[in-house]
Amino acid sequence: MLSAHFGRAQTFTIVDTETSEVEIVPNTSEHMGGSGLPPELIASRGAHIMLVGGLGPNAVQMFEQYGIDVFVGATGTVKDAIKDWQDGFLEEATDENICKEHRH
């Protein structure tokens, strides 16, 4: 299931949509008592697209700096989110659809 709060997710799931290879990455960011930020951790794994329910403007900007496109509106499981993205149901993050409050 997707985490209700992106930065405090216990893990991040990296999926290669071409090979179906899956990697579960523990969230070792400063949000969880470690170091660094989630976008840095995810970028280090070679991700190009980030699927989330919601995300704040600072995180979106950081992902974009790493060349990672962010899509919002994901719900359910990781599999659901990937299917919704492939089917065009998720929206690319914009100033209008990102989280303005700390509830993502």
PDB file of N, CA and C in Angstrom:
ATOM      1  N   MET A   1       0.843  -1.187   0.000  1.00  0.00           N
ATOM      2  CA  MET A   1       0.000   0.000   0.000  1.00  0.00           C
ATOM      3  C   MET A   1       0.887   1.249   0.000  1.00  0.00           C
ATOM      4  N   LEU A   2       0.396   2.267  -0.662  1.00  0.00           N
ATOM      5  CA  LEU A   2       1.126   3.531  -0.671  1.00  0.00           C
ATOM      6  C   LEU A   2       1.026   4.196   0.690  1.00  0.00           C
ATOM      7  N   SER A   3       2.071   4.870   1.079  1.00  0.00           N
ATOM      8  CA  SER A   3       2.098   5.582   2.344  1.00  0.00           C
ATOM      9  C   SER A   3       1.297   6.870   2.239  1.00  0.00           C
ATOM     10  N   ALA A   4       0.602   7.222   3.312  1.00  0.00           N
ATOM     11  CA  ALA A   4      -0.162   8.468   3.339  1.00  0.00           C
ATOM     12  C   ALA A   4       0.759   9.678   3.463  1.00  0.00           C
ATOM     13  N   HIS A   5       1.969   9.495   3.974  1.00  0.00           N
ATOM     14  CA  HIS A   5       2.921  10.597   4.116  1.00  0.00           C
ATOM     15  C   HIS A   5       4.230  10.184   3.462  1.00  0.00           C
ATOM     16  N   PHE A   6       4.495  10.736   2.298  1.00  0.00           N
ATOM     17  CA  PHE A   6       5.631  10.344   1.482  1.00  0.00           C
ATOM     18  C   PHE A   6       6.957  10.307   2.248  1.00  0.00           C
ATOM     19  N   GLY A   7       7.312  11.382   2.918  1.00  0.00           N
ATOM     20  CA  GLY A   7       8.614  11.460   3.582  1.00  0.00           C
ATOM     21  C   GLY A   7       8.791  10.470   4.711  1.00  0.00           C
ATOM     22  N   ARG A   8       7.684  10.003   5.278  1.00  0.00           N
ATOM     23  CA  ARG A   8       7.745   9.060   6.391  1.00  0.00           C
ATOM     24  C   ARG A   8       7.403   7.623   5.973  1.00  0.00           C
ATOM     25  N   ALA A   9       7.359   7.380   4.694  1.00  0.00           N
ATOM     26  CA  ALA A   9       7.147   6.009   4.215  1.00  0.00           C
ATOM     27  C   ALA A   9       8.278   5.131   4.732  1.00  0.00           C
ATOM     28  N   GLN A  10       7.962   3.946   5.187  1.00  0.00           N
ATOM     29  CA  GLN A  10       8.983   3.028   5.695  1.00  0.00           C
ATOM     30  C   GLN A  10       9.943   2.593   4.586  1.00  0.00           C
ATOM     31  N   THR A  11       9.389   2.416   3.389  1.00  0.00           N
ATOM     32  CA  THR A  11      10.183   1.975   2.241  1.00  0.00           C
ATOM     33  C   THR A  11       9.708   2.698   0.983  1.00  0.00           C
ATOM     34  N   PHE A  12      10.551   2.660  -0.028  1.00  0.00           N
ATOM     35  CA  PHE A  12      10.196   3.129  -1.361  1.00  0.00           C
ATOM     36  C   PHE A  12      10.361   1.934  -2.298  1.00  0.00           C
ATOM     37  N   THR A  13       9.451   1.804  -3.246  1.00  0.00           N
ATOM     38  CA  THR A  13       9.498   0.694  -4.186  1.00  0.00           C
ATOM     39  C   THR A  13       9.947   1.215  -5.542  1.00  0.00           C
ATOM     40  N   ILE A  14      11.050   0.688  -6.034  1.00  0.00           N
ATOM     41  CA  ILE A  14      11.579   1.050  -7.346  1.00  0.00           C
ATOM     42  C   ILE A  14      11.208  -0.089  -8.300  1.00  0.00           C
ATOM     43  N   VAL A  15      10.509   0.251  -9.378  1.00  0.00           N
ATOM     44  CA  VAL A  15      10.071  -0.761 -10.344  1.00  0.00           C
ATOM     45  C   VAL A  15      10.600  -0.397 -11.719  1.00  0.00           C
ATOM     46  N   ASP A  16      11.266  -1.338 -12.354  1.00  0.00           N
ATOM     47  CA  ASP A  16      11.680  -1.185 -13.746  1.00  0.00           C
ATOM     48  C   ASP A  16      10.512  -1.678 -14.591  1.00  0.00           C
ATOM     49  N   THR A  17       9.820  -0.761 -15.243  1.00  0.00           N
ATOM     50  CA  THR A  17       8.615  -1.148 -15.991  1.00  0.00           C
ATOM     51  C   THR A  17       8.934  -1.948 -17.249  1.00  0.00           C
ATOM     52  N   GLU A  18      10.193  -1.956 -17.678  1.00  0.00           N
ATOM     53  CA  GLU A  18      10.565  -2.747 -18.849  1.00  0.00           C
ATOM     54  C   GLU A  18      10.877  -4.192 -18.472  1.00  0.00           C
ATOM     55  N   THR A  19      11.543  -4.396 -17.338  1.00  0.00           N
ATOM     56  CA  THR A  19      11.950  -5.743 -16.943  1.00  0.00           C
ATOM     57  C   THR A  19      11.097  -6.316 -15.814  1.00  0.00           C
ATOM     58  N   SER A  20      10.264  -5.476 -15.205  1.00  0.00           N
ATOM     59  CA  SER A  20       9.428  -5.835 -14.037  1.00  0.00           C
ATOM     60  C   SER A  20      10.266  -6.129 -12.790  1.00  0.00           C
ATOM     61  N   GLU A  21      11.532  -5.755 -12.812  1.00  0.00           N
ATOM     62  CA  GLU A  21      12.387  -5.927 -11.637  1.00  0.00           C
ATOM     63  C   GLU A  21      11.932  -4.948 -10.553  1.00  0.00           C
ATOM     64  N   VAL A  22      11.872  -5.434  -9.309  1.00  0.00           N
ATOM     65  CA  VAL A  22      11.405  -4.627  -8.178  1.00  0.00           C
ATOM     66  C   VAL A  22      12.502  -4.565  -7.124  1.00  0.00           C
ATOM     67  N   GLU A  23      12.731  -3.366  -6.600  1.00  0.00           N
ATOM     68  CA  GLU A  23      13.685  -3.171  -5.516  1.00  0.00           C
ATOM     69  C   GLU A  23      12.968  -2.417  -4.392  1.00  0.00           C
ATOM     70  N   ILE A  24      13.002  -2.942  -3.200  1.00  0.00           N
ATOM     71  CA  ILE A  24      12.436  -2.277  -2.034  1.00  0.00           C
ATOM     72  C   ILE A  24      13.582  -1.572  -1.315  1.00  0.00           C
ATOM     73  N   VAL A  25      13.464  -0.256  -1.193  1.00  0.00           N
ATOM     74  CA  VAL A  25      14.523   0.564  -0.620  1.00  0.00           C
ATOM     75  C   VAL A  25      14.064   1.117   0.726  1.00  0.00           C
ATOM     76  N   PRO A  26      14.731   0.784   1.816  1.00  0.00           N
ATOM     77  CA  PRO A  26      14.365   1.352   3.114  1.00  0.00           C
ATOM     78  C   PRO A  26      14.546   2.869   3.110  1.00  0.00           C
ATOM     79  N   ASN A  27      13.648   3.560   3.758  1.00  0.00           N
ATOM     80  CA  ASN A  27      13.742   5.009   3.867  1.00  0.00           C
ATOM     81  C   ASN A  27      14.747   5.334   4.972  1.00  0.00           C
ATOM     82  N   THR A  28      15.952   5.647   4.586  1.00  0.00           N
ATOM     83  CA  THR A  28      17.020   5.978   5.534  1.00  0.00           C
ATOM     84  C   THR A  28      17.268   7.485   5.567  1.00  0.00           C
ATOM     85  N   SER A  29      16.293   8.266   5.139  1.00  0.00           N
ATOM     86  CA  SER A  29      16.448   9.714   5.079  1.00  0.00           C
ATOM     87  C   SER A  29      16.377  10.334   6.471  1.00  0.00           C
ATOM     88  N   GLU A  30      16.627  11.628   6.522  1.00  0.00           N
ATOM     89  CA  GLU A  30      16.585  12.334   7.805  1.00  0.00           C
ATOM     90  C   GLU A  30      15.181  12.323   8.405  1.00  0.00           C
ATOM     91  N   HIS A  31      14.143  12.117   7.580  1.00  0.00           N
ATOM     92  CA  HIS A  31      12.777  11.997   8.102  1.00  0.00           C
ATOM     93  C   HIS A  31      12.640  10.784   9.022  1.00  0.00           C
ATOM     94  N   MET A  32      13.516   9.808   8.828  1.00  0.00           N
ATOM     95  CA  MET A  32      13.455   8.572   9.610  1.00  0.00           C
ATOM     96  C   MET A  32      14.665   8.428  10.535  1.00  0.00           C
ATOM     97  N   GLY A  33      15.349   9.544  10.813  1.00  0.00           N
ATOM     98  CA  GLY A  33      16.487   9.519  11.722  1.00  0.00           C
ATOM     99  C   GLY A  33      17.825   9.290  11.049  1.00  0.00           C
ATOM    100  N   GLY A  34      17.814   9.169   9.732  1.00  0.00           N
ATOM    101  CA  GLY A  34      19.064   8.943   8.996  1.00  0.00           C
ATOM    102  C   GLY A  34      19.612  10.242   8.454  1.00  0.00           C
ATOM    103  N   SER A  35      20.105  10.186   7.226  1.00  0.00           N
ATOM    104  CA  SER A  35      20.655  11.388   6.611  1.00  0.00           C
ATOM    105  C   SER A  35      20.141  11.511   5.190  1.00  0.00           C
ATOM    106  N   GLY A  36      20.208  12.719   4.660  1.00  0.00           N
ATOM    107  CA  GLY A  36      19.754  12.982   3.307  1.00  0.00           C
ATOM    108  C   GLY A  36      18.242  13.089   3.235  1.00  0.00           C
ATOM    109  N   LEU A  37      17.756  13.304   2.031  1.00  0.00           N
ATOM    110  CA  LEU A  37      16.323  13.463   1.784  1.00  0.00           C
ATOM    111  C   LEU A  37      15.838  12.400   0.811  1.00  0.00           C
ATOM    112  N   PRO A  38      14.547  12.039   0.876  1.00  0.00           N
ATOM    113  CA  PRO A  38      14.032  10.987  -0.004  1.00  0.00           C
ATOM    114  C   PRO A  38      14.345  11.188  -1.492  1.00  0.00           C
ATOM    115  N   PRO A  39      14.222  12.406  -2.053  1.00  0.00           N
ATOM    116  CA  PRO A  39      14.550  12.525  -3.482  1.00  0.00           C
ATOM    117  C   PRO A  39      15.989  12.123  -3.803  1.00  0.00           C
ATOM    118  N   GLU A  40      16.930  12.420  -2.894  1.00  0.00           N
ATOM    119  CA  GLU A  40      18.326  12.023  -3.108  1.00  0.00           C
ATOM    120  C   GLU A  40      18.454  10.506  -3.112  1.00  0.00           C
ATOM    121  N   LEU A  41      17.788   9.867  -2.168  1.00  0.00           N
ATOM    122  CA  LEU A  41      17.824   8.407  -2.052  1.00  0.00           C
ATOM    123  C   LEU A  41      17.238   7.745  -3.299  1.00  0.00           C
ATOM    124  N   ILE A  42      16.107   8.245  -3.738  1.00  0.00           N
ATOM    125  CA  ILE A  42      15.435   7.660  -4.903  1.00  0.00           C
ATOM    126  C   ILE A  42      16.221   7.934  -6.183  1.00  0.00           C
ATOM    127  N   ALA A  43      16.768   9.128  -6.316  1.00  0.00           N
ATOM    128  CA  ALA A  43      17.576   9.450  -7.497  1.00  0.00           C
ATOM    129  C   ALA A  43      18.811   8.557  -7.572  1.00  0.00           C
ATOM    130  N   SER A  44      19.376   8.216  -6.419  1.00  0.00           N
ATOM    131  CA  SER A  44      20.576   7.374  -6.418  1.00  0.00           C
ATOM    132  C   SER A  44      20.297   5.974  -6.952  1.00  0.00           C
ATOM    133  N   ARG A  45      19.035   5.596  -7.010  1.00  0.00           N
ATOM    134  CA  ARG A  45      18.647   4.285  -7.530  1.00  0.00           C
ATOM    135  C   ARG A  45      18.301   4.333  -9.024  1.00  0.00           C
ATOM    136  N   GLY A  46      18.431   5.515  -9.641  1.00  0.00           N
ATOM    137  CA  GLY A  46      18.222   5.631 -11.084  1.00  0.00           C
ATOM    138  C   GLY A  46      16.782   5.834 -11.517  1.00  0.00           C
ATOM    139  N   ALA A  47      15.929   6.257 -10.601  1.00  0.00           N
ATOM    140  CA  ALA A  47      14.516   6.473 -10.955  1.00  0.00           C
ATOM    141  C   ALA A  47      14.370   7.653 -11.911  1.00  0.00           C
ATOM    142  N   HIS A  48      13.356   7.572 -12.772  1.00  0.00           N
ATOM    143  CA  HIS A  48      13.051   8.648 -13.714  1.00  0.00           C
ATOM    144  C   HIS A  48      11.661   9.224 -13.482  1.00  0.00           C
ATOM    145  N   ILE A  49      10.813   8.455 -12.807  1.00  0.00           N
ATOM    146  CA  ILE A  49       9.432   8.855 -12.561  1.00  0.00           C
ATOM    147  C   ILE A  49       9.091   8.531 -11.115  1.00  0.00           C
ATOM    148  N   MET A  50       8.374   9.432 -10.461  1.00  0.00           N
ATOM    149  CA  MET A  50       7.933   9.226  -9.084  1.00  0.00           C
ATOM    150  C   MET A  50       6.415   9.295  -9.068  1.00  0.00           C
ATOM    151  N   LEU A  51       5.783   8.260  -8.534  1.00  0.00           N
ATOM    152  CA  LEU A  51       4.330   8.209  -8.417  1.00  0.00           C
ATOM    153  C   LEU A  51       3.975   8.347  -6.946  1.00  0.00           C
ATOM    154  N   VAL A  52       3.158   9.336  -6.603  1.00  0.00           N
ATOM    155  CA  VAL A  52       2.796   9.590  -5.212  1.00  0.00           C
ATOM    156  C   VAL A  52       1.328  10.002  -5.129  1.00  0.00           C
ATOM    157  N   GLY A  53       0.785   9.881  -3.909  1.00  0.00           N
ATOM    158  CA  GLY A  53      -0.561  10.400  -3.689  1.00  0.00           C
ATOM    159  C   GLY A  53      -0.523  11.915  -3.731  1.00  0.00           C
ATOM    160  N   GLY A  54       0.377  12.483  -2.971  1.00  0.00           N
ATOM    161  CA  GLY A  54       0.570  13.919  -2.926  1.00  0.00           C
ATOM    162  C   GLY A  54       1.978  14.210  -2.463  1.00  0.00           C
ATOM    163  N   LEU A  55       2.431  15.415  -2.760  1.00  0.00           N
ATOM    164  CA  LEU A  55       3.811  15.774  -2.445  1.00  0.00           C
ATOM    165  C   LEU A  55       3.900  17.289  -2.354  1.00  0.00           C
ATOM    166  N   GLY A  56       4.714  17.777  -1.429  1.00  0.00           N
ATOM    167  CA  GLY A  56       4.881  19.212  -1.258  1.00  0.00           C
ATOM    168  C   GLY A  56       5.775  19.824  -2.316  1.00  0.00           C
ATOM    169  N   PRO A  57       5.718  21.154  -2.423  1.00  0.00           N
ATOM    170  CA  PRO A  57       6.470  21.848  -3.473  1.00  0.00           C
ATOM    171  C   PRO A  57       7.977  21.683  -3.382  1.00  0.00           C
ATOM    172  N   ASN A  58       8.531  21.648  -2.170  1.00  0.00           N
ATOM    173  CA  ASN A  58       9.989  21.493  -2.044  1.00  0.00           C
ATOM    174  C   ASN A  58      10.441  20.135  -2.562  1.00  0.00           C
ATOM    175  N   ALA A  59       9.705  19.089  -2.230  1.00  0.00           N
ATOM    176  CA  ALA A  59      10.068  17.748  -2.705  1.00  0.00           C
ATOM    177  C   ALA A  59       9.919  17.657  -4.216  1.00  0.00           C
ATOM    178  N   VAL A  60       8.844  18.224  -4.757  1.00  0.00           N
ATOM    179  CA  VAL A  60       8.654  18.204  -6.215  1.00  0.00           C
ATOM    180  C   VAL A  60       9.828  18.900  -6.893  1.00  0.00           C
ATOM    181  N   GLN A  61      10.196  20.056  -6.374  1.00  0.00           N
ATOM    182  CA  GLN A  61      11.314  20.806  -6.955  1.00  0.00           C
ATOM    183  C   GLN A  61      12.617  20.004  -6.883  1.00  0.00           C
ATOM    184  N   MET A  62      12.841  19.323  -5.771  1.00  0.00           N
ATOM    185  CA  MET A  62      14.065  18.537  -5.632  1.00  0.00           C
ATOM    186  C   MET A  62      14.077  17.371  -6.618  1.00  0.00           C
ATOM    187  N   PHE A  63      12.934  16.675  -6.759  1.00  0.00           N
ATOM    188  CA  PHE A  63      12.859  15.591  -7.741  1.00  0.00           C
ATOM    189  C   PHE A  63      13.165  16.129  -9.138  1.00  0.00           C
ATOM    190  N   GLU A  64      12.580  17.284  -9.476  1.00  0.00           N
ATOM    191  CA  GLU A  64      12.811  17.867 -10.799  1.00  0.00           C
ATOM    192  C   GLU A  64      14.279  18.200 -11.008  1.00  0.00           C
ATOM    193  N   GLN A  65      14.968  18.652  -9.959  1.00  0.00           N
ATOM    194  CA  GLN A  65      16.398  18.947 -10.069  1.00  0.00           C
ATOM    195  C   GLN A  65      17.194  17.686 -10.399  1.00  0.00           C
ATOM    196  N   TYR A  66      16.688  16.539  -9.968  1.00  0.00           N
ATOM    197  CA  TYR A  66      17.339  15.262 -10.275  1.00  0.00           C
ATOM    198  C   TYR A  66      16.847  14.665 -11.596  1.00  0.00           C
ATOM    199  N   GLY A  67      15.977  15.403 -12.307  1.00  0.00           N
ATOM    200  CA  GLY A  67      15.470  14.915 -13.583  1.00  0.00           C
ATOM    201  C   GLY A  67      14.388  13.860 -13.440  1.00  0.00           C
ATOM    202  N   ILE A  68      13.719  13.832 -12.304  1.00  0.00           N
ATOM    203  CA  ILE A  68      12.661  12.855 -12.049  1.00  0.00           C
ATOM    204  C   ILE A  68      11.309  13.552 -12.172  1.00  0.00           C
ATOM    205  N   ASP A  69      10.464  13.045 -13.052  1.00  0.00           N
ATOM    206  CA  ASP A  69       9.118  13.586 -13.224  1.00  0.00           C
ATOM    207  C   ASP A  69       8.217  13.041 -12.129  1.00  0.00           C
ATOM    208  N   VAL A  70       7.407  13.906 -11.525  1.00  0.00           N
ATOM    209  CA  VAL A  70       6.525  13.526 -10.423  1.00  0.00           C
ATOM    210  C   VAL A  70       5.082  13.523 -10.907  1.00  0.00           C
ATOM    211  N   PHE A  71       4.379  12.438 -10.597  1.00  0.00           N
ATOM    212  CA  PHE A  71       2.957  12.311 -10.912  1.00  0.00           C
ATOM    213  C   PHE A  71       2.196  12.111  -9.608  1.00  0.00           C
ATOM    214  N   VAL A  72       1.115  12.866  -9.422  1.00  0.00           N
ATOM    215  CA  VAL A  72       0.330  12.826  -8.186  1.00  0.00           C
ATOM    216  C   VAL A  72      -1.033  12.193  -8.438  1.00  0.00           C
ATOM    217  N   GLY A  73      -1.671  11.812  -7.331  1.00  0.00           N
ATOM    218  CA  GLY A  73      -3.005  11.225  -7.398  1.00  0.00           C
ATOM    219  C   GLY A  73      -3.020   9.720  -7.250  1.00  0.00           C
ATOM    220  N   ALA A  74      -1.877   9.128  -6.969  1.00  0.00           N
ATOM    221  CA  ALA A  74      -1.786   7.672  -6.834  1.00  0.00           C
ATOM    222  C   ALA A  74      -2.485   7.216  -5.557  1.00  0.00           C
ATOM    223  N   THR A  75      -3.166   6.080  -5.650  1.00  0.00           N
ATOM    224  CA  THR A  75      -3.834   5.481  -4.486  1.00  0.00           C
ATOM    225  C   THR A  75      -3.681   3.967  -4.553  1.00  0.00           C
ATOM    226  N   GLY A  76      -3.975   3.332  -3.434  1.00  0.00           N
ATOM    227  CA  GLY A  76      -3.962   1.868  -3.397  1.00  0.00           C
ATOM    228  C   GLY A  76      -2.569   1.305  -3.250  1.00  0.00           C
ATOM    229  N   THR A  77      -2.293   0.287  -4.048  1.00  0.00           N
ATOM    230  CA  THR A  77      -1.010  -0.405  -3.995  1.00  0.00           C
ATOM    231  C   THR A  77      -0.042   0.174  -5.028  1.00  0.00           C
ATOM    232  N   VAL A  78       1.198  -0.248  -4.947  1.00  0.00           N
ATOM    233  CA  VAL A  78       2.185   0.154  -5.948  1.00  0.00           C
ATOM    234  C   VAL A  78       1.718  -0.302  -7.328  1.00  0.00           C
ATOM    235  N   LYS A  79       1.217  -1.509  -7.419  1.00  0.00           N
ATOM    236  CA  LYS A  79       0.723  -2.027  -8.693  1.00  0.00           C
ATOM    237  C   LYS A  79      -0.409  -1.156  -9.238  1.00  0.00           C
ATOM    238  N   ASP A  80      -1.334  -0.730  -8.356  1.00  0.00           N
ATOM    239  CA  ASP A  80      -2.430   0.157  -8.774  1.00  0.00           C
ATOM    240  C   ASP A  80      -1.873   1.471  -9.314  1.00  0.00           C
ATOM    241  N   ALA A  81      -0.891   2.035  -8.607  1.00  0.00           N
ATOM    242  CA  ALA A  81      -0.317   3.321  -9.004  1.00  0.00           C
ATOM    243  C   ALA A  81       0.350   3.218 -10.373  1.00  0.00           C
ATOM    244  N   ILE A  82       1.081   2.153 -10.608  1.00  0.00           N
ATOM    245  CA  ILE A  82       1.751   1.982 -11.908  1.00  0.00           C
ATOM    246  C   ILE A  82       0.719   1.848 -13.018  1.00  0.00           C
ATOM    247  N   LYS A  83      -0.309   1.050 -12.785  1.00  0.00           N
ATOM    248  CA  LYS A  83      -1.356   0.882 -13.805  1.00  0.00           C
ATOM    249  C   LYS A  83      -2.055   2.203 -14.085  1.00  0.00           C
ATOM    250  N   ASP A  84      -2.393   2.947 -13.034  1.00  0.00           N
ATOM    251  CA  ASP A  84      -3.054   4.246 -13.224  1.00  0.00           C
ATOM    252  C   ASP A  84      -2.165   5.206 -14.003  1.00  0.00           C
ATOM    253  N   TRP A  85      -0.857   5.188 -13.724  1.00  0.00           N
ATOM    254  CA  TRP A  85       0.067   6.046 -14.465  1.00  0.00           C
ATOM    255  C   TRP A  85       0.135   5.612 -15.933  1.00  0.00           C
ATOM    256  N   GLN A  86       0.264   4.309 -16.167  1.00  0.00           N
ATOM    257  CA  GLN A  86       0.325   3.806 -17.537  1.00  0.00           C
ATOM    258  C   GLN A  86      -0.955   4.114 -18.310  1.00  0.00           C
ATOM    259  N   ASP A  87      -2.087   4.107 -17.609  1.00  0.00           N
ATOM    260  CA  ASP A  87      -3.375   4.391 -18.246  1.00  0.00           C
ATOM    261  C   ASP A  87      -3.670   5.885 -18.346  1.00  0.00           C
ATOM    262  N   GLY A  88      -2.754   6.732 -17.860  1.00  0.00           N
ATOM    263  CA  GLY A  88      -2.909   8.172 -17.981  1.00  0.00           C
ATOM    264  C   GLY A  88      -3.816   8.818 -16.943  1.00  0.00           C
ATOM    265  N   PHE A  89      -4.070   8.136 -15.826  1.00  0.00           N
ATOM    266  CA  PHE A  89      -4.963   8.674 -14.802  1.00  0.00           C
ATOM    267  C   PHE A  89      -4.263   9.569 -13.783  1.00  0.00           C
ATOM    268  N   LEU A  90      -2.950   9.515 -13.696  1.00  0.00           N
ATOM    269  CA  LEU A  90      -2.220  10.367 -12.762  1.00  0.00           C
ATOM    270  C   LEU A  90      -1.790  11.648 -13.473  1.00  0.00           C
ATOM    271  N   GLU A  91      -1.739  12.734 -12.714  1.00  0.00           N
ATOM    272  CA  GLU A  91      -1.375  14.027 -13.287  1.00  0.00           C
ATOM    273  C   GLU A  91       0.054  14.387 -12.925  1.00  0.00           C
ATOM    274  N   GLU A  92       0.744  14.995 -13.869  1.00  0.00           N
ATOM    275  CA  GLU A  92       2.075  15.492 -13.560  1.00  0.00           C
ATOM    276  C   GLU A  92       1.934  16.604 -12.524  1.00  0.00           C
ATOM    277  N   ALA A  93       2.849  16.644 -11.550  1.00  0.00           N
ATOM    278  CA  ALA A  93       2.781  17.622 -10.476  1.00  0.00           C
ATOM    279  C   ALA A  93       2.904  19.047 -11.015  1.00  0.00           C
ATOM    280  N   THR A  94       1.992  19.909 -10.562  1.00  0.00           N
ATOM    281  CA  THR A  94       2.010  21.331 -10.916  1.00  0.00           C
ATOM    282  C   THR A  94       1.744  22.140  -9.651  1.00  0.00           C
ATOM    283  N   ASP A  95       1.866  23.448  -9.745  1.00  0.00           N
ATOM    284  CA  ASP A  95       1.569  24.302  -8.594  1.00  0.00           C
ATOM    285  C   ASP A  95       0.122  24.142  -8.133  1.00  0.00           C
ATOM    286  N   GLU A  96      -0.767  23.775  -9.025  1.00  0.00           N
ATOM    287  CA  GLU A  96      -2.177  23.653  -8.695  1.00  0.00           C
ATOM    288  C   GLU A  96      -2.533  22.339  -7.983  1.00  0.00           C
ATOM    289  N   ASN A  97      -1.766  21.270  -8.184  1.00  0.00           N
ATOM    290  CA  ASN A  97      -2.174  19.973  -7.622  1.00  0.00           C
ATOM    291  C   ASN A  97      -1.201  19.398  -6.585  1.00  0.00           C
ATOM    292  N   ILE A  98      -0.215  20.177  -6.175  1.00  0.00           N
ATOM    293  CA  ILE A  98       0.686  19.685  -5.129  1.00  0.00           C
ATOM    294  C   ILE A  98       0.130  20.039  -3.753  1.00  0.00           C
ATOM    295  N   CYS A  99       0.632  19.368  -2.736  1.00  0.00           N
ATOM    296  CA  CYS A  99       0.177  19.593  -1.361  1.00  0.00           C
ATOM    297  C   CYS A  99       0.684  20.942  -0.875  1.00  0.00           C
ATOM    298  N   LYS A 100      -0.230  21.731  -0.390  1.00  0.00           N
ATOM    299  CA  LYS A 100       0.144  23.030   0.164  1.00  0.00           C
ATOM    300  C   LYS A 100       0.312  22.941   1.682  1.00  0.00           C
ATOM    301  N   GLU A 101      -0.222  21.882   2.275  1.00  0.00           N
ATOM    302  CA  GLU A 101      -0.108  21.678   3.708  1.00  0.00           C
ATOM    303  C   GLU A 101       0.695  20.403   3.944  1.00  0.00           C
ATOM    304  N   HIS A 102       1.057  20.139   5.167  1.00  0.00           N
ATOM    305  CA  HIS A 102       1.908  18.992   5.483  1.00  0.00           C
ATOM    306  C   HIS A 102       1.054  17.758   5.752  1.00  0.00           C
ATOM    307  N   ARG A 103       0.280  17.327   4.749  1.00  0.00           N
ATOM    308  CA  ARG A 103      -0.602  16.175   4.908  1.00  0.00           C
ATOM    309  C   ARG A 103      -0.373  15.109   3.846  1.00  0.00           C
ATOM    310  N   HIS A 104       0.742  15.080   3.175  1.00  0.00           N
ATOM    311  CA  HIS A 104       1.006  14.121   2.109  1.00  0.00           C
ATOM    312  C   HIS A 104       1.756  12.927   2.613  1.00  0.00           C
TER     313      HIS A 104
END
